[in-house]
Amino acid sequence: MSKVKSLTTGDIAEYCDVNLRTVIRWIDKGNLKGYKSPGRGNNRVTVESFVIFLKENNMPIPAEFMPNSKTVLIVDDDENMANAIKRVLKKMHLNVI
């Protein structure tokens, strides 16, 4: 599991490829469990709540939030082959660098 304990609405918007306001609406409607940080009151969501939300909505879970996630380093002098390998590994939800 990731070392990140909570995510900002911006983080979640980036992971889900949606607008920041969409994430805030998800939280306001109770679809995504979040909390307000002290002080400025910015929304935060725990990684666990985010993963649950993704599963409930049949959305892909980023590899870094999967238990026992693996990272694969691709080294190849043929860029086309490296890109093909990268696409296959991403479909398997592996971190690729």
Protein backbone atom coordinates (compact mmCIF):
# COMPACT_ATOMS: atom_id res chain seq x y z
CA MET A 1 0.00 0.00 0.00
CA SER A 2 1.11 3.55 -0.61
CA LYS A 3 2.93 5.55 2.08
CA VAL A 4 0.52 8.43 1.37
CA LYS A 5 -2.10 8.51 4.12
CA SER A 6 -4.50 11.02 2.56
CA LEU A 7 -5.13 12.61 -0.81
CA THR A 8 -6.23 16.10 -1.81
CA THR A 9 -9.16 16.69 -4.11
CA GLY A 10 -6.60 17.70 -6.73
CA ASP A 11 -4.80 14.38 -6.37
CA ILE A 12 -8.05 12.46 -6.82
CA ALA A 13 -9.09 14.59 -9.80
CA GLU A 14 -5.79 13.77 -11.47
CA TYR A 15 -6.07 10.02 -10.76
CA CYS A 16 -9.66 9.91 -12.06
CA ASP A 17 -9.08 12.34 -14.94
CA VAL A 18 -11.96 14.57 -13.84
CA ASN A 19 -12.36 18.20 -12.84
CA LEU A 20 -11.58 19.23 -9.26
CA ARG A 21 -15.20 20.38 -8.79
CA THR A 22 -16.39 16.87 -9.68
CA VAL A 23 -14.40 15.43 -6.79
CA ILE A 24 -15.78 18.05 -4.41
CA ARG A 25 -19.33 17.17 -5.54
CA TRP A 26 -18.60 13.46 -4.90
CA ILE A 27 -17.55 14.36 -1.34
CA ASP A 28 -20.48 16.76 -0.77
CA LYS A 29 -23.00 14.15 -1.98
CA GLY A 30 -21.42 11.48 0.26
CA ASN A 31 -20.30 9.30 -2.65
CA LEU A 32 -16.68 9.69 -1.58
CA LYS A 33 -15.88 9.75 2.13
CA GLY A 34 -13.73 12.74 2.95
CA TYR A 35 -12.94 15.13 5.77
CA LYS A 36 -11.96 18.79 6.15
CA SER A 37 -8.43 19.60 7.22
CA PRO A 38 -8.03 22.01 10.16
CA GLY A 39 -7.41 25.64 9.35
CA ARG A 40 -8.32 26.29 5.73
CA GLY A 41 -10.81 23.43 5.64
CA ASN A 42 -9.53 21.79 2.48
CA ASN A 43 -11.01 18.40 1.67
CA ARG A 44 -8.90 15.31 2.23
CA VAL A 45 -9.66 11.65 1.52
CA THR A 46 -7.86 8.67 3.01
CA VAL A 47 -6.28 6.26 0.56
CA GLU A 48 -8.51 3.50 1.93
CA SER A 49 -11.68 5.54 1.28
CA PHE A 50 -10.47 6.39 -2.22
CA VAL A 51 -9.80 2.72 -3.07
CA ILE A 52 -13.24 1.74 -1.74
CA PHE A 53 -14.84 4.48 -3.87
CA LEU A 54 -12.99 3.26 -6.98
CA LYS A 55 -14.05 -0.36 -6.38
CA GLU A 56 -17.70 0.60 -5.76
CA ASN A 57 -17.77 2.57 -9.02
CA ASN A 58 -15.88 0.00 -11.12
CA MET A 59 -13.02 2.41 -11.73
CA PRO A 60 -9.40 1.31 -12.17
CA ILE A 61 -7.28 1.41 -9.04
CA PRO A 62 -3.87 3.07 -9.49
CA ALA A 63 -1.08 0.53 -9.10
CA GLU A 64 0.54 2.38 -6.19
CA PHE A 65 -2.61 1.80 -4.11
CA MET A 66 -2.71 -1.93 -4.77
CA PRO A 67 -1.34 -4.19 -2.05
CA ASN A 68 2.00 -5.71 -2.94
CA SER A 69 2.26 -3.52 -6.01
CA LYS A 70 5.34 -4.09 -8.12
CA THR A 71 7.38 -1.60 -10.08
CA VAL A 72 8.96 -2.64 -13.36
CA LEU A 73 11.89 -0.86 -15.01
CA ILE A 74 11.91 -1.31 -18.78
CA VAL A 75 15.29 -1.04 -20.47
CA ASP A 76 15.33 -1.55 -24.22
CA ASP A 77 17.08 0.21 -27.09
CA ASP A 78 14.01 -0.26 -29.30
CA GLU A 79 11.55 2.45 -28.25
CA ASN A 80 8.60 0.76 -29.99
CA MET A 81 9.22 -2.49 -28.11
CA ALA A 82 9.64 -0.64 -24.80
CA ASN A 83 6.33 1.18 -25.35
CA ALA A 84 4.57 -2.09 -26.23
CA ILE A 85 5.87 -3.73 -23.05
CA LYS A 86 4.83 -0.66 -21.04
CA ARG A 87 1.26 -0.82 -22.39
CA VAL A 88 0.93 -4.50 -21.49
CA LEU A 89 2.29 -3.99 -17.98
CA LYS A 90 0.01 -1.00 -17.34
CA LYS A 91 -2.99 -3.15 -18.27
CA MET A 92 -1.78 -5.53 -15.57
CA HIS A 93 -1.83 -2.57 -13.11
CA LEU A 94 1.93 -2.55 -12.58
CA ASN A 95 3.98 0.61 -11.98
CA VAL A 96 6.23 1.15 -14.96
CA ILE A 97 9.29 3.42 -15.10
